[in-house]
Structure formats: C-alpha cells, structure tokens
C-alpha cells in the first residue's frame, strides 16, 4: 500500500468515526455550557455573557462548517465542490466563524482584567451593556470584513480526482492565508495570553493585600474599601485560563499549517507530497474544531461553581421529570 493510500485511510477513518463523536460531544458540551452560563446566578456577569457568545459561535461553526468537512473527508460527500453558491456560503461561513469565537474569548479576557483591577473606575467598565455591545459590534464587523470570501470562492482541482472549495489562487489566497496566520497564531494567542497574565497578576496583588470581609463563611475577597472579587468571578477566571490553554493547544497548529501551505504553494510536489499536505491540513483542522467538544468538560474540571450549577440543573430536571411522571 502506498503512502498516499495509508494517509488517506487514516484521515478517512478519523473523520468517519471521530467526526460524529466530536459532533455529538461538542453538541452536548455546548448545551451544558449554555444551561450553566444562562442561569440567573451567572448570566448577569459580563464574562458569562462572553462565554455564552463563544459557545453559540462554536455551535454555529460546528454545524455550518465542521460537519461538511466530516462528510467530505469521512464519507466522500461534499456538495460544495459541485455547487459554486454552496461553496461560497461555506467559505464565507468558515471565515466569519473562525473569527467570532476567538474574538469573544478575547472579550472575556479583557473583562477579567477589568474586574480584577485595583482601580474602581476601571472595574466599573466591566458591565453587561458593554459586553453585549462589543459582541454585536464584533459580529457585524467580521460579517462585513469577510464578505470578500463569498465572491472569491472557487472550486479548485489540486490533484487527480481532488477538488476543493477554496479561495481563488493568487493575491486573495495570499491575503486569506496570512490573515489566518496573523489572527489565529499571533493576534488571538498574544491577546489572550497578555490579558490572562495581567488578570493573574491582578489576582495575586489582591491576595497579597487581602483582608477578610465579614464572617468566615463569606465567599468573596475584599481589598481596602473598594475592591470586591466574588467567588464566582474567581471561578470564571479559572474557566478563562483553561480556555486560553486549550485554544493554544488545539488551534495554533492549524494556523501554522496554513503558513507552510502558503510558503510551499508554488513548489512542484509529487502525489505523495500532495497527500501529506492534505493529511496535515485535515488533521490540524480536526484539532481546530475538536476544542468545542471539550470546553464543558474542562470547565467541570477546573470550576467548583460550574460543577455546582450543572448539578443543580440536573437535579431540577430530574425532579421535574419525576413530578410529571407521577401526575401521569
């Protein structure tokens, strides 16, 4: 069996069996995240609003983009390589969805930096109204910014019986590839790491100057007369930090592969090299989307508040079902 055939078999089985597993787990993860973050105790927090936006963006990206990649690679069925309109919608959705989730994660990072500041004026800037306004503005901005993707999409043949829905070769491909690199591998990681470290620094300053507030059972930290960091804010910081880590692990490799793809696009490649490149694209892209399948579980792992709220939700659902069953 040739190298190309081996790689094709590996990626086909990965998407055929791993794809549905990721989709199911990501769907469950997104639903559970929404159930927790939309609860009255959390939804009034600006950071929770950002996490809700991230979850919705991941869900839309999952069903508008990733599921098509699963059918294409795993089941050799892709309507976007036979219909140019469908191809354009797919590429446009991919470009917009690729930016929304990370942008909302940056907003969450900024909010945690604001809320942990020792300056009361800075802390007041962390508000639901500002978070919602920023989410709406960013959504409109990215939808307009990527409108070019719709018009420059083409069905391209890159090898024997190998068709792709991709942007037109040339200047537009160079722009989209380097934009994906700069945005996913530089801007987003740099921003979330910067604000994440800034938040950690602020929290350490709080603990260094901590003074008990009220009784021993109080679940907040007060510094001086002005700063008040609740336990839920602490838990949301933990969730944010684990989200930053998973983003770097799962999403940066895809951006780096796009750089390699751009650098080597004019090189004459053998069929085996084309197969290796296609394999690398699909594996890194699979990881890129798989992060949505583990968000809820990482939240459960690091956040006591998230576990408690989810447990309470399940208990309420169980009680409701039990009452309904008895009434029937």
Protein backbone atom coordinates (compact mmCIF):
# COMPACT_ATOMS: atom_id res chain seq x y z
CA UNK A 1 0.00 0.00 0.00
CA UNK A 2 1.37 3.40 -1.00
CA UNK A 3 1.98 6.25 1.44
CA UNK A 4 -0.85 8.26 -0.10
CA UNK A 5 -3.27 5.36 0.38
CA UNK A 6 -2.22 4.89 4.01
CA UNK A 7 -2.66 8.57 4.85
CA UNK A 8 -5.98 8.68 3.04
CA UNK A 9 -7.20 5.67 5.03
CA UNK A 10 -6.12 7.24 8.35
CA UNK A 11 -7.82 10.57 7.77
CA UNK A 12 -10.93 8.97 6.28
CA UNK A 13 -11.40 6.77 9.35
CA UNK A 14 -10.61 9.68 11.66
CA UNK A 15 -13.39 11.79 10.17
CA UNK A 16 -15.78 8.88 9.59
CA UNK A 17 -15.68 7.66 13.19
CA UNK A 18 -14.07 10.51 15.10
CA UNK A 19 -16.10 13.22 13.37
CA UNK A 20 -19.54 12.09 14.61
CA UNK A 21 -18.03 11.52 18.07
CA UNK A 22 -16.73 15.10 18.14
CA UNK A 23 -20.03 16.49 16.83
CA UNK A 24 -22.09 14.64 19.45
CA UNK A 25 -19.75 15.57 22.31
CA UNK A 26 -19.44 19.17 21.13
CA UNK A 27 -23.23 19.45 20.94
CA UNK A 28 -23.60 18.11 24.48
CA UNK A 29 -20.77 20.36 25.66
CA UNK A 30 -22.33 23.47 24.11
CA UNK A 31 -25.79 22.67 25.52
CA UNK A 32 -24.41 22.14 29.02
CA UNK A 33 -22.38 25.35 28.80
CA UNK A 34 -25.48 27.29 27.79
CA UNK A 35 -27.53 25.71 30.59
CA UNK A 36 -24.97 26.83 33.16
CA UNK A 37 -23.98 30.26 31.85
CA UNK A 38 -27.59 31.33 31.24
CA UNK A 39 -28.63 30.58 34.82
CA UNK A 40 -29.73 33.68 36.79
CA UNK A 41 -26.73 33.42 39.11
CA UNK A 42 -24.25 33.68 36.22
CA UNK A 43 -25.88 35.36 33.23
CA UNK A 44 -25.68 38.79 34.88
CA UNK A 45 -21.89 38.55 34.79
CA UNK A 46 -20.25 40.15 31.69
CA UNK A 47 -17.75 37.29 31.46
CA UNK A 48 -20.60 34.75 31.38
CA UNK A 49 -22.19 36.71 28.53
CA UNK A 50 -18.91 36.42 26.61
CA UNK A 51 -18.78 32.67 27.30
CA UNK A 52 -22.37 32.35 26.03
CA UNK A 53 -21.31 34.14 22.83
CA UNK A 54 -18.27 31.84 22.46
CA UNK A 55 -20.49 28.78 22.90
CA UNK A 56 -23.04 29.95 20.33
CA UNK A 57 -20.26 30.80 17.85
CA UNK A 58 -18.69 27.35 18.34
CA UNK A 59 -22.06 25.65 17.84
CA UNK A 60 -22.76 27.51 14.59
CA UNK A 61 -19.24 26.81 13.32
CA UNK A 62 -19.68 23.15 14.21
CA UNK A 63 -22.84 22.71 12.16
CA UNK A 64 -22.14 25.09 9.27
CA UNK A 65 -18.50 24.16 8.66
CA UNK A 66 -17.14 21.16 10.54
CA UNK A 67 -19.99 18.80 9.67
CA UNK A 68 -19.33 19.48 5.97
CA UNK A 69 -15.67 18.61 6.45
CA UNK A 70 -16.71 15.35 8.12
CA UNK A 71 -18.96 14.38 5.21
CA UNK A 72 -16.30 15.39 2.69
CA UNK A 73 -13.33 13.54 4.17
CA UNK A 74 -15.08 10.73 6.03
CA UNK A 75 -17.87 9.90 3.61
CA UNK A 76 -16.60 11.36 0.31
CA UNK A 77 -19.69 13.57 0.02
CA UNK A 78 -19.28 17.31 -0.43
CA UNK A 79 -21.95 19.41 -2.16
CA UNK A 80 -19.65 22.46 -2.06
CA UNK A 81 -17.42 21.00 -4.81
CA UNK A 82 -20.34 20.69 -7.22
CA UNK A 83 -22.26 23.90 -6.47
CA UNK A 84 -20.45 27.24 -6.56
CA UNK A 85 -23.10 29.07 -4.48
CA UNK A 86 -22.89 26.42 -1.79
CA UNK A 87 -19.10 26.67 -1.98
CA UNK A 88 -19.21 30.43 -1.45
CA UNK A 89 -21.58 30.15 1.51
CA UNK A 90 -19.36 27.51 3.07
CA UNK A 91 -16.16 29.53 2.68
CA UNK A 92 -17.83 32.72 3.95
CA UNK A 93 -19.29 30.91 6.98
CA UNK A 94 -15.89 29.39 7.70
CA UNK A 95 -14.10 32.75 7.61
CA UNK A 96 -16.67 34.51 9.81
CA UNK A 97 -16.98 31.63 12.28
CA UNK A 98 -13.21 31.36 12.50
CA UNK A 99 -13.06 34.89 13.92
CA UNK A 100 -16.15 35.13 16.12
CA UNK A 101 -15.29 32.58 18.84
CA UNK A 102 -11.70 33.78 19.37
CA UNK A 103 -12.83 37.43 19.37
CA UNK A 104 -15.38 36.72 22.10
CA UNK A 105 -12.70 34.87 24.06
CA UNK A 106 -10.54 37.99 23.88
CA UNK A 107 -13.51 39.99 25.22
CA UNK A 108 -13.79 37.59 28.15
CA UNK A 109 -10.06 38.01 28.82
CA UNK A 110 -10.39 41.80 28.80
CA UNK A 111 -13.39 41.64 31.14
CA UNK A 112 -11.48 39.54 33.70
CA UNK A 113 -8.61 42.03 33.54
CA UNK A 114 -11.02 44.90 34.17
CA UNK A 115 -12.87 43.24 37.06
CA UNK A 116 -9.62 42.38 38.89
CA UNK A 117 -8.13 45.87 38.58
CA UNK A 118 -7.39 47.76 41.80
CA UNK A 119 -8.82 50.90 40.19
CA UNK A 120 -12.54 51.20 40.97
CA UNK A 121 -13.09 53.28 37.82
CA UNK A 122 -11.60 50.54 35.66
CA UNK A 123 -13.71 47.86 37.36
CA UNK A 124 -16.90 49.80 36.59
CA UNK A 125 -16.17 49.38 32.89
CA UNK A 126 -16.92 45.68 33.26
CA UNK A 127 -20.65 45.76 32.53
CA UNK A 128 -23.28 43.66 30.78
CA UNK A 129 -24.16 46.53 28.48
CA UNK A 130 -20.58 46.98 27.29
CA UNK A 131 -20.14 43.21 26.79
CA UNK A 132 -23.32 42.90 24.71
CA UNK A 133 -22.44 46.00 22.67
CA UNK A 134 -18.95 44.67 21.90
CA UNK A 135 -20.34 41.26 20.90
CA UNK A 136 -22.83 42.84 18.48
CA UNK A 137 -20.23 45.21 17.01
CA UNK A 138 -17.67 42.42 16.51
CA UNK A 139 -20.26 40.15 14.88
CA UNK A 140 -21.25 42.84 12.37
CA UNK A 141 -17.61 43.78 11.77
CA UNK A 142 -16.49 40.23 10.91
CA UNK A 143 -19.54 39.62 8.72
CA UNK A 144 -18.68 42.70 6.68
CA UNK A 145 -14.91 42.18 6.76
CA UNK A 146 -15.14 38.68 5.27
CA UNK A 147 -17.71 39.45 2.58
CA UNK A 148 -14.85 39.13 0.05
CA UNK A 149 -14.66 35.39 0.82
CA UNK A 150 -18.08 34.88 -0.71
CA UNK A 151 -17.12 36.43 -4.05
CA UNK A 152 -13.61 34.96 -4.33
CA UNK A 153 -14.56 31.34 -3.60
CA UNK A 154 -13.83 28.80 -6.32
CA UNK A 155 -13.94 25.06 -6.86
CA UNK A 156 -10.27 24.16 -7.44
CA UNK A 157 -8.69 20.91 -8.63
CA UNK A 158 -5.38 20.32 -6.83
CA UNK A 159 -4.72 16.78 -7.98
CA UNK A 160 -6.20 13.73 -9.69
CA UNK A 161 -9.82 13.47 -8.52
CA UNK A 162 -9.08 16.01 -5.76
CA UNK A 163 -11.44 19.00 -5.75
CA UNK A 164 -11.56 21.71 -3.08
CA UNK A 165 -13.82 24.61 -2.31
CA UNK A 166 -11.25 27.32 -1.67
CA UNK A 167 -10.41 30.95 -2.41
CA UNK A 168 -9.10 31.90 -5.85
CA UNK A 169 -5.34 31.31 -6.30
CA UNK A 170 -3.22 34.44 -6.27
CA UNK A 171 -3.44 37.59 -4.21
CA UNK A 172 -6.67 36.66 -2.44
CA UNK A 173 -5.30 33.30 -1.32
CA UNK A 174 -2.16 35.03 -0.05
CA UNK A 175 -4.28 37.51 1.90
CA UNK A 176 -6.60 34.91 3.47
CA UNK A 177 -3.73 32.58 4.37
CA UNK A 178 -1.63 35.25 6.03
CA UNK A 179 -4.67 36.74 7.72
CA UNK A 180 -5.46 33.32 9.20
CA UNK A 181 -1.84 33.09 10.35
CA UNK A 182 -1.71 36.56 11.90
CA UNK A 183 -5.14 36.28 13.51
CA UNK A 184 -5.07 32.69 14.81
CA UNK A 185 -1.38 32.28 15.58
CA UNK A 186 -0.36 35.80 16.64
CA UNK A 187 -3.17 38.24 17.48
CA UNK A 188 -5.50 35.90 19.39
CA UNK A 189 -2.84 33.98 21.38
CA UNK A 190 -0.96 37.20 22.13
CA UNK A 191 -4.12 38.97 23.36
CA UNK A 192 -5.50 36.13 25.47
CA UNK A 193 -2.08 35.35 26.97
CA UNK A 194 -1.41 39.04 27.68
CA UNK A 195 -4.76 39.67 29.34
CA UNK A 196 -4.65 36.27 31.05
CA UNK A 197 -1.28 37.04 32.65
CA UNK A 198 -2.48 40.54 33.52
CA UNK A 199 -5.51 39.05 35.26
CA UNK A 200 -3.35 36.58 37.19
CA UNK A 201 -1.08 39.45 38.23
CA UNK A 202 -4.09 41.45 39.47
CA UNK A 203 -5.42 38.48 41.43
CA UNK A 204 -2.02 37.94 43.07
CA UNK A 205 -1.99 41.58 44.13
CA UNK A 206 -5.43 41.08 45.66
CA UNK A 207 -4.26 38.07 47.66
CA UNK A 208 -1.13 39.86 48.79
CA UNK A 209 -3.24 42.66 50.26
CA UNK A 210 -6.23 40.54 51.26
CA UNK A 211 -8.35 41.36 54.28
CA UNK A 212 -11.21 39.13 55.44
CA UNK A 213 -14.63 40.54 54.57
CA UNK A 214 -17.29 39.85 57.20
CA UNK A 215 -17.74 36.35 58.51
CA UNK A 216 -15.60 33.30 57.87
CA UNK A 217 -18.25 31.92 55.56
CA UNK A 218 -18.10 34.86 53.17
CA UNK A 219 -17.23 33.72 49.65
CA UNK A 220 -15.57 36.90 48.46
CA UNK A 221 -12.33 38.80 48.82
CA UNK A 222 -12.18 42.48 49.71
CA UNK A 223 -9.14 44.72 49.44
CA UNK A 224 -9.28 48.03 51.23
CA UNK A 225 -12.68 49.64 50.87
CA UNK A 226 -13.13 49.44 47.14
CA UNK A 227 -12.18 46.13 45.57
CA UNK A 228 -14.55 43.20 45.85
CA UNK A 229 -13.91 39.97 43.94
CA UNK A 230 -16.65 37.38 44.37
CA UNK A 231 -16.09 33.64 44.34
CA UNK A 232 -17.95 33.34 41.02
CA UNK A 233 -15.52 35.84 39.49
CA UNK A 234 -12.64 33.70 40.73
CA UNK A 235 -14.24 30.63 39.15
CA UNK A 236 -14.81 32.41 35.84
CA UNK A 237 -11.14 33.38 35.82
CA UNK A 238 -10.21 29.70 36.18
CA UNK A 239 -12.53 28.81 33.29
CA UNK A 240 -10.99 31.56 31.16
CA UNK A 241 -7.43 30.40 31.83
CA UNK A 242 -8.20 26.79 30.86
CA UNK A 243 -9.95 28.05 27.70
CA UNK A 244 -6.81 30.01 26.82
CA UNK A 245 -4.67 26.90 27.25
CA UNK A 246 -6.94 24.70 25.14
CA UNK A 247 -7.08 27.35 22.41
CA UNK A 248 -3.30 27.41 22.11
CA UNK A 249 -3.02 23.60 22.08
CA UNK A 250 -5.82 22.88 19.62
CA UNK A 251 -5.99 25.89 17.29
CA UNK A 252 -2.49 27.28 16.76
CA UNK A 253 -1.25 24.17 14.83
CA UNK A 254 -3.83 24.80 12.08
CA UNK A 255 -2.68 28.39 11.67
CA UNK A 256 0.94 27.25 11.44
CA UNK A 257 0.00 24.71 8.77
CA UNK A 258 -1.61 27.47 6.71
CA UNK A 259 1.72 29.31 6.76
CA UNK A 260 3.52 26.22 5.49
CA UNK A 261 0.87 25.80 2.82
CA UNK A 262 1.35 29.37 1.65
CA UNK A 263 5.16 29.13 1.61
CA UNK A 264 5.15 25.92 -0.46
CA UNK A 265 2.23 26.69 -2.78
CA UNK A 266 4.43 27.28 -5.84
CA UNK A 267 6.68 24.25 -5.30
CA UNK A 268 6.32 21.29 -7.64
CA UNK A 269 5.04 18.43 -5.49
CA UNK A 270 4.76 14.71 -6.03
CA UNK A 271 1.50 12.86 -5.46
CA UNK A 272 2.85 11.64 -2.11
CA UNK A 273 3.70 15.19 -1.02
CA UNK A 274 0.24 16.39 -2.04
CA UNK A 275 -1.24 13.56 0.03
CA UNK A 276 0.94 14.51 3.02
CA UNK A 277 -0.13 18.14 2.77
CA UNK A 278 -3.79 17.18 2.53
CA UNK A 279 -3.35 14.88 5.53
CA UNK A 280 -1.70 17.66 7.55
CA UNK A 281 -4.48 20.08 6.66
CA UNK A 282 -7.23 17.69 7.76
CA UNK A 283 -5.54 16.59 10.99
CA UNK A 284 -4.82 20.13 12.18
CA UNK A 285 -8.29 21.23 11.09
CA UNK A 286 -9.82 18.35 13.03
CA UNK A 287 -8.00 19.53 16.16
CA UNK A 288 -9.08 23.10 15.41
CA UNK A 289 -12.74 22.10 15.69
CA UNK A 290 -12.37 19.44 18.38
CA UNK A 291 -11.82 22.10 21.06
CA UNK A 292 -15.58 22.75 21.09
CA UNK A 293 -16.11 19.16 22.24
CA UNK A 294 -14.10 19.52 25.44
CA UNK A 295 -14.95 23.02 26.71
CA UNK A 296 -17.69 21.85 29.05
CA UNK A 297 -15.54 19.05 30.46
CA UNK A 298 -12.57 21.34 31.12
CA UNK A 299 -14.98 23.74 32.84
CA UNK A 300 -16.19 20.88 35.03
CA UNK A 301 -12.61 20.01 35.84
CA UNK A 302 -11.43 23.45 36.98
CA UNK A 303 -14.55 25.20 38.31
CA UNK A 304 -16.39 24.31 41.51
CA UNK A 305 -19.14 26.80 40.66
CA UNK A 306 -19.67 25.27 37.22
CA UNK A 307 -19.97 21.79 38.75
CA UNK A 308 -22.42 23.00 41.39
CA UNK A 309 -24.61 24.87 38.89
CA UNK A 310 -24.67 21.92 36.49
CA UNK A 311 -25.53 19.51 39.31
CA UNK A 312 -28.36 21.78 40.41
CA UNK A 313 -29.67 21.91 36.83
CA UNK A 314 -29.70 18.12 36.58
CA UNK A 315 -31.46 17.81 39.95
CA UNK A 316 -34.15 20.27 38.87
CA UNK A 317 -34.65 18.42 35.59
CA UNK A 318 -34.83 15.11 37.45
CA UNK A 319 -37.37 16.48 39.93
CA UNK A 320 -39.49 17.94 37.12
CA UNK A 321 -39.49 14.64 35.20
CA UNK A 322 -40.36 12.73 38.38
CA UNK A 323 -43.30 15.04 39.13
CA UNK A 324 -44.57 14.80 35.56
CA UNK A 325 -44.34 11.02 35.66
CA UNK A 326 -46.31 10.85 38.92
CA UNK A 327 -49.01 13.16 37.57
CA UNK A 328 -49.41 10.96 34.51
